[in-house]
Amino acid sequence: MKKIAFFITLILLITSCGSIKSSLKNIDNNAPVPVVGKNNAFIITQYSKDKKYGYDKDYPINIYYRGTKNDTINQKYFLDALAGPKGEKITYTKLENCCPFPTKTSDMGAGFLDVYELNWEGLKKPIILYLNIYERGQLMVPVGLSLKKI
């Protein structure tokens, strides 16, 4: 209950301050809507060359979920497309929501990033990725990861 009250208070604070600007740098409303392949994962064809992509809260992976009834399914579709740098099978866990920002795609006028921890066998320190379901952007494989072999 305290968590819900905190989020409501935070959203009211953000939406009441019309001058708050988004710090997100890689929103592209013209990016294609992601497509799910036969393996229940997004079809991704590009690799990012930007080391900040996904690893920095100002450069999240924008996986826009509108058009689905499940606001967490696109994170699964995206993460299930990935593998470690040598094709290792990854596991992932959602850690938290963070980093509120204003957005026109939310009924509340604000959104949060989803923070995921990725692991695979032999990895010494887990990888942290920031995912954004409220905005669109070109989906790419973050630096240091690869695509799962089908």
Protein backbone atom coordinates (compact mmCIF):
# COMPACT_ATOMS: atom_id res chain seq x y z
CA MET A 1 0.00 0.00 0.00
CA LYS A 2 2.86 2.38 0.81
CA LYS A 3 4.42 1.68 -2.58
CA ILE A 4 1.18 2.57 -4.40
CA ALA A 5 0.83 5.78 -2.40
CA PHE A 6 4.43 6.68 -3.21
CA PHE A 7 3.88 6.18 -6.96
CA ILE A 8 0.65 8.18 -6.94
CA THR A 9 2.35 11.02 -5.07
CA LEU A 10 5.32 10.92 -7.42
CA ILE A 11 3.12 10.95 -10.51
CA LEU A 12 1.08 13.86 -9.18
CA LEU A 13 4.29 15.74 -8.50
CA ILE A 14 5.63 15.08 -11.99
CA THR A 15 2.41 15.93 -13.80
CA SER A 16 1.86 19.09 -11.78
CA CYS A 17 5.26 20.39 -12.81
CA GLY A 18 4.71 21.05 -16.50
CA SER A 19 8.23 22.36 -16.91
CA ILE A 20 9.89 19.02 -16.10
CA LYS A 21 11.64 17.79 -19.23
CA SER A 22 12.42 14.25 -20.17
CA SER A 23 16.09 13.29 -19.99
CA LEU A 24 15.58 10.42 -22.46
CA LYS A 25 17.83 10.94 -25.48
CA ASN A 26 16.89 8.16 -27.90
CA ILE A 27 13.13 8.38 -28.47
CA ASP A 28 12.14 7.83 -32.10
CA ASN A 29 8.38 7.96 -32.68
CA ASN A 30 8.99 6.95 -36.31
CA ALA A 31 10.69 3.69 -35.34
CA PRO A 32 8.82 0.59 -36.46
CA VAL A 33 6.61 -1.15 -33.92
CA PRO A 34 8.42 -4.33 -32.82
CA VAL A 35 7.45 -7.61 -34.46
CA VAL A 36 7.35 -10.95 -32.64
CA GLY A 37 8.87 -13.92 -34.46
CA LYS A 38 8.06 -17.62 -34.33
CA ASN A 39 10.26 -18.09 -31.26
CA ASN A 40 8.12 -15.68 -29.15
CA ALA A 41 10.85 -13.06 -29.22
CA PHE A 42 11.21 -9.77 -31.08
CA ILE A 43 12.85 -9.86 -34.47
CA ILE A 44 15.92 -7.66 -34.04
CA THR A 45 18.28 -7.04 -36.94
CA GLN A 46 20.56 -4.26 -35.70
CA TYR A 47 23.38 -4.08 -33.19
CA SER A 48 23.95 -0.85 -31.28
CA LYS A 49 27.37 0.76 -31.48
CA ASP A 50 26.49 3.14 -28.63
CA LYS A 51 27.82 1.81 -25.32
CA LYS A 52 25.13 3.81 -23.48
CA TYR A 53 22.22 2.12 -25.30
CA GLY A 54 20.29 0.21 -22.65
CA TYR A 55 23.01 0.62 -20.02
CA ASP A 56 22.34 4.30 -19.21
CA LYS A 57 18.98 5.50 -17.87
CA ASP A 58 19.05 8.40 -20.35
CA TYR A 59 19.44 5.93 -23.26
CA PRO A 60 16.97 3.14 -22.40
CA ILE A 61 15.76 0.47 -24.77
CA ASN A 62 12.42 1.87 -25.92
CA ILE A 63 10.14 -1.12 -26.48
CA TYR A 64 6.74 0.58 -26.61
CA TYR A 65 3.89 -1.70 -25.53
CA ARG A 66 0.73 0.03 -26.76
CA GLY A 67 -1.45 -2.29 -28.74
CA THR A 68 -1.06 -5.11 -26.23
CA LYS A 69 -3.08 -5.69 -23.09
CA ASN A 70 -0.04 -6.83 -21.13
CA ASP A 71 2.40 -4.05 -20.25
CA THR A 72 5.22 -6.48 -19.38
CA ILE A 73 5.11 -8.77 -22.42
CA ASN A 74 7.39 -6.62 -24.58
CA GLN A 75 10.20 -6.76 -22.03
CA LYS A 76 9.99 -10.55 -22.24
CA TYR A 77 9.92 -10.51 -26.06
CA PHE A 78 12.98 -8.25 -26.14
CA LEU A 79 15.03 -10.06 -23.51
CA ASP A 80 14.15 -13.48 -24.94
CA ALA A 81 15.76 -12.40 -28.24
CA LEU A 82 19.13 -11.83 -26.55
CA ALA A 83 22.08 -14.03 -25.69
CA GLY A 84 25.46 -13.48 -24.10
CA PRO A 85 28.39 -12.32 -26.26
CA LYS A 86 29.24 -15.89 -27.31
CA GLY A 87 25.64 -17.06 -27.58
CA GLU A 88 25.28 -17.97 -23.90
CA LYS A 89 21.75 -18.47 -22.61
CA ILE A 90 20.80 -15.50 -20.46
CA THR A 91 18.56 -15.31 -17.45
CA TYR A 92 16.98 -12.07 -16.35
CA THR A 93 15.21 -10.62 -13.36
CA LYS A 94 13.31 -7.37 -13.01
CA LEU A 95 14.91 -5.43 -10.17
CA GLU A 96 12.80 -2.29 -9.92
CA ASN A 97 11.11 0.65 -11.57
CA CYS A 98 13.04 3.87 -11.51
CA CYS A 99 13.72 7.19 -13.07
CA PRO A 100 10.29 8.85 -13.55
CA PHE A 101 9.89 10.99 -16.66
CA PRO A 102 7.05 12.88 -18.34
CA THR A 103 5.41 11.18 -21.31
CA LYS A 104 2.35 11.76 -23.47
CA THR A 105 1.80 8.03 -23.96
CA SER A 106 0.72 7.37 -20.38
CA ASP A 107 -2.72 8.25 -19.09
CA MET A 108 -1.00 9.55 -15.96
CA GLY A 109 1.39 11.80 -17.90
CA ALA A 110 4.45 10.04 -16.45
CA GLY A 111 6.35 6.83 -16.96
CA PHE A 112 9.02 4.78 -15.23
CA LEU A 113 11.89 2.74 -16.59
CA ASP A 114 12.08 -0.97 -15.82
CA VAL A 115 15.47 -2.10 -14.55
CA TYR A 116 16.53 -5.67 -15.42
CA GLU A 117 19.53 -7.69 -14.32
CA LEU A 118 20.97 -10.13 -16.89
CA ASN A 119 23.18 -13.10 -16.08
CA TRP A 120 24.71 -16.05 -17.88
CA GLU A 121 27.08 -18.81 -16.92
CA GLY A 122 30.62 -17.46 -16.52
CA LEU A 123 29.58 -13.81 -16.17
CA LYS A 124 31.39 -12.26 -13.19
CA LYS A 125 29.21 -9.19 -12.70
CA PRO A 126 25.54 -9.05 -13.78
CA ILE A 127 24.53 -6.62 -16.53
CA ILE A 128 21.91 -3.98 -15.77
CA LEU A 129 19.62 -2.81 -18.58
CA TYR A 130 17.03 -0.01 -18.60
CA LEU A 131 13.84 -0.68 -20.60
CA ASN A 132 11.12 1.83 -21.41
CA ILE A 133 7.62 0.69 -22.37
CA TYR A 134 6.24 4.19 -22.88
CA GLU A 135 8.24 5.38 -25.88
CA ARG A 136 9.33 3.97 -29.22
CA GLY A 137 12.83 3.64 -30.53
CA GLN A 138 14.85 1.49 -32.89
CA LEU A 139 15.30 -1.91 -31.25
CA MET A 140 18.90 -3.05 -31.26
CA VAL A 141 21.12 -5.52 -29.47
CA PRO A 142 23.06 -3.66 -26.74
CA VAL A 143 26.87 -3.64 -26.94
CA GLY A 144 28.34 -6.80 -25.41
CA LEU A 145 25.32 -9.00 -26.14
CA SER A 146 24.25 -11.05 -29.15
CA LEU A 147 21.09 -12.49 -30.63
CA LYS A 148 19.82 -15.87 -29.53
CA LYS A 149 20.33 -18.49 -32.22
CA ILE A 150 17.04 -19.80 -33.57
